[in-house]
Protein backbone atom coordinates (compact mmCIF):
# COMPACT_ATOMS: atom_id res chain seq x y z
CA MET A 1 -67.43 16.88 127.97
CA ILE A 2 -68.67 18.74 130.91
CA ASP A 3 -69.27 22.51 130.44
CA GLY A 4 -68.22 24.18 134.25
CA LYS A 5 -70.28 27.76 132.86
CA GLN A 6 -72.96 25.69 131.89
CA VAL A 7 -73.08 23.64 135.22
CA SER A 8 -72.67 26.76 137.06
CA ASP A 9 -75.46 28.68 135.40
CA TRP A 10 -77.85 25.82 135.98
CA ALA A 11 -76.76 25.47 139.51
CA ALA A 12 -77.72 29.46 140.07
CA GLU A 13 -80.99 28.94 138.30
CA LYS A 14 -81.60 25.65 140.50
CA VAL A 15 -81.08 27.72 143.70
CA LEU A 16 -82.76 30.59 142.16
CA LYS A 17 -86.15 28.81 142.37
CA GLN A 18 -86.06 28.42 146.04
CA HIS A 19 -86.73 32.01 146.54
CA LEU A 20 -84.39 33.01 149.24
CA PRO A 21 -83.39 36.91 149.15
CA LEU A 22 -79.71 37.83 148.85
CA PRO A 23 -78.25 40.70 150.63
CA ALA A 24 -77.87 43.78 148.74
CA LYS A 25 -75.10 45.32 147.88
CA PRO A 26 -74.16 47.78 150.51
CA LYS A 27 -74.29 51.72 149.44
CA GLY A 28 -70.67 53.65 149.33
CA LYS A 29 -67.73 53.29 147.23
CA GLU A 30 -65.34 53.58 149.73
CA PRO A 31 -62.01 50.99 149.39
CA GLU A 32 -61.58 51.47 153.37
CA PHE A 33 -62.98 52.92 156.61
CA GLU A 34 -61.51 54.03 159.67
CA TYR A 35 -63.15 51.75 162.27
CA PRO A 36 -63.50 53.23 165.99
CA SER A 37 -60.16 53.34 167.66
CA ASP A 38 -62.08 53.13 171.03
CA PRO A 39 -65.86 51.48 171.05
CA THR A 40 -66.81 52.87 174.39
CA ALA A 41 -66.30 56.00 173.00
CA ILE A 42 -69.14 55.99 170.62
CA THR A 43 -73.00 56.36 171.18
CA LEU A 44 -75.75 53.91 170.82
CA SER A 45 -76.84 54.96 167.78
CA GLU A 46 -73.29 54.66 166.38
CA LEU A 47 -72.39 51.52 167.75
CA GLY A 48 -76.27 50.50 166.47
CA GLN A 49 -75.01 52.13 163.37
CA TRP A 50 -71.69 50.46 163.18
CA MET A 51 -73.17 46.95 163.57
CA LEU A 52 -75.57 47.48 160.79
CA LYS A 53 -72.78 48.00 158.17
CA LEU A 54 -70.43 45.32 159.43
CA ALA A 55 -73.38 43.18 159.14
CA GLY A 56 -74.41 44.11 155.71
CA TRP A 57 -70.68 44.33 154.41
CA HIS A 58 -70.26 40.72 155.95
CA GLY A 59 -73.34 38.91 154.21
CA TYR A 60 -72.55 40.60 150.81
CA ALA A 61 -69.22 39.41 151.28
CA ILE A 62 -70.89 35.94 152.01
CA ARG A 63 -72.94 36.25 149.11
CA LEU A 64 -70.03 36.96 146.55
CA VAL A 65 -67.69 33.99 148.43
CA GLY A 66 -71.12 31.53 147.17
CA VAL A 67 -70.69 33.04 143.69
CA ALA A 68 -67.39 32.50 143.47
CA ASP A 69 -67.31 29.78 145.19
CA ALA A 70 -70.37 28.17 143.28
CA GLU A 71 -68.40 28.87 139.80
CA LEU A 72 -65.16 27.66 141.09
CA THR A 73 -66.60 24.07 141.46
CA ALA A 74 -67.76 23.67 138.53
CA LEU A 75 -65.01 25.50 136.52
CA SER A 76 -62.16 23.01 138.47
CA ALA A 77 -64.32 19.74 137.54
CA GLU A 78 -63.88 20.67 134.09
CA TYR A 79 -60.61 21.55 134.24
CA GLU A 80 -59.56 18.56 135.94
CA MET A 81 -62.00 16.26 133.90
CA ARG A 82 -60.02 17.68 130.70
CA VAL A 83 -55.92 17.56 132.38
CA ASN A 84 -56.68 14.25 133.74
CA SER A 85 -58.15 12.76 130.32
CA LEU A 86 -54.62 14.32 128.36
CA GLY A 87 -52.64 12.80 131.32
CA SER A 88 -52.79 9.60 129.89
CA GLU A 89 -50.52 10.37 127.27
CA VAL A 90 -47.75 12.52 129.30
CA ARG A 91 -48.19 9.28 131.62
CA ALA A 92 -47.57 7.23 129.04
CA GLU A 93 -44.71 9.43 127.47
CA LEU A 94 -42.75 10.52 131.15
CA GLY A 95 -43.69 7.47 132.87
CA ARG A 96 -44.38 7.55 136.62
CA VAL A 97 -44.35 11.37 137.07
CA ASN A 98 -46.57 13.17 139.84
CA ALA A 99 -49.61 15.18 139.28
CA GLN A 100 -48.04 19.01 138.95
CA VAL A 101 -45.71 17.40 136.21
CA VAL A 102 -48.72 15.93 134.68
CA GLU A 103 -51.22 19.11 134.85
CA ALA A 104 -47.59 21.26 134.00
CA THR A 105 -47.18 19.35 130.84
CA VAL A 106 -50.63 18.95 129.64
CA LEU A 107 -50.80 22.51 129.87
CA GLN A 108 -47.72 22.99 127.87
CA ASN A 109 -48.76 21.04 124.99
CA HIS A 110 -52.35 22.26 125.15
CA PRO A 111 -52.68 25.84 125.36
CA GLU A 112 -56.87 25.89 124.97
CA LEU A 113 -56.82 24.57 128.81
CA GLU A 114 -54.68 27.77 129.61
CA PRO A 115 -58.35 29.95 129.86
CA LEU A 116 -59.71 27.48 131.91
CA PHE A 117 -56.73 27.29 134.56
CA LYS A 118 -56.14 31.20 134.46
CA ARG A 119 -60.37 31.51 135.43
CA ARG A 120 -59.73 28.92 138.10
CA LEU A 121 -56.91 31.05 139.65
CA GLU A 122 -58.79 34.05 139.27
CA LEU A 123 -61.94 32.62 141.35
CA SER A 124 -59.64 30.92 143.73
CA THR A 125 -57.82 34.71 144.43
CA VAL A 126 -61.04 36.10 144.57
CA LYS A 127 -62.48 33.91 146.78
CA VAL A 128 -60.14 33.82 148.94
CA HIS A 129 -60.22 38.31 149.17
CA LEU A 130 -63.89 37.65 149.81
CA ASP A 131 -63.32 35.06 152.73
CA THR A 132 -60.42 37.17 154.35
CA ARG A 133 -63.45 40.45 154.19
CA ALA A 134 -66.36 38.65 155.61
CA ARG A 135 -63.93 37.33 158.31
CA ILE A 136 -63.03 41.32 159.22
CA TYR A 137 -66.38 41.83 159.34
CA GLU A 138 -67.30 39.78 161.60
CA LYS A 139 -64.73 39.47 163.74
CA LEU A 140 -65.16 43.56 164.27
CA TRP A 141 -69.58 43.06 164.22
CA ASN A 142 -68.42 40.83 167.16
CA ALA A 143 -65.90 43.15 169.07
CA LEU A 144 -68.93 45.54 168.70
CA SER A 145 -71.80 43.01 169.78
CA ARG A 146 -69.98 42.34 173.12
CA GLU A 147 -69.43 46.23 173.83
CA LEU A 148 -73.45 46.42 173.33
CA ALA A 149 -73.49 43.40 175.94
CA ARG A 150 -71.10 45.38 178.60
CA ARG A 151 -73.18 48.11 177.95
CA GLU A 152 -76.42 46.38 178.63
CA MET A 153 -74.84 44.41 182.27
CA GLU A 154 -73.96 48.03 182.68
CA ILE A 155 -76.54 49.78 182.83
CA ARG A 156 -78.52 46.97 184.62
CA ILE A 157 -76.39 47.24 187.43
CA THR A 158 -76.56 50.66 187.80
């Protein structure tokens, strides 16, 4: 039987051996931040500071997406293999039914699979939240980058 945790740990170890550095967790513990409503009103130094913060947050969010996605991939393989192997009993009993019915019946008949199901759901949900934050940081960084390019162009023209 496949152990999703064991596969995930193996993969993490394999990637670690590639000596690719990961972004560190950014400083600060604020759950929210106030983005400048008018990027044209902030100084060049503030613009650079915002871009650095957003790049740091983006990099760290992508790192966490990768961690969640790697564990989710291994866990999903383990879960699906178990459900599919137990699903043959359900199909023999109920006949032709769709995959959702098979999965629900297997979960109902085999409560030992609930922790796997729950962890898979948790990881999927965390991944969605992290993906969303990464996209937010990227969009805001892009907006500031456009402002920086606009300022550079303005300086060249004058």
